[in-house]
């Protein structure tokens, strides 16, 4: 894989697990890690066990956990059959949540696949546009992550994707994060396991 393809793969995981674009420092770190022989497997494990993800799903039963996967990937709740299938496997400990995320994402078809790819493309543009030092510092911590998460969560169809993909709207989001978060006083950054502090 090229570094560009690896970078997209990292964004896939950020969207799938956290429902948000990668931060600059995380993308740099994990793209390099993804290039190593065991990089992808290690990356999946780190995302699934990270404080950010565990905090997001804390207290959820397996049915709610499966719904969260579908919401992050496709912008919709899982169908009953899908919840029954994946939650059943999780309940019996046949698979892990990392297996669910990987399998559901790789099996996306039709509108689900379109929405997922639009989310990833939006995430890539967002991270590319976070290109100033103050913006990179601002895009850390729970509040900044929530603003970015909510932006991607609004992508559910062609119309909402067109809005989200508009660079002007992405720049407005970045400006909001920089103004609301950075100028109000920095939060304690929340970094994934293995990510060098930004």
Foldseek 3Di string as FASTA:
>chain_A
DDLVVLLLVLQLLCLQQLLFFDFQLRSVQLSVQSPDPCSVVVSLVLSCPWPRRCVVCPPPQQLVLLQSSLLSQALGGDDPVSSCVRSVCVVVVVDDSSVSNVVCQVPDDDNSVVLNVLLSLLSVLLNVVCPDPLLSQLCFDDVNSVLRSVLSSQRNGDVSSVQSNPSVNSVVSSVCSSVVARVVPHDDGRDTVPRDDD
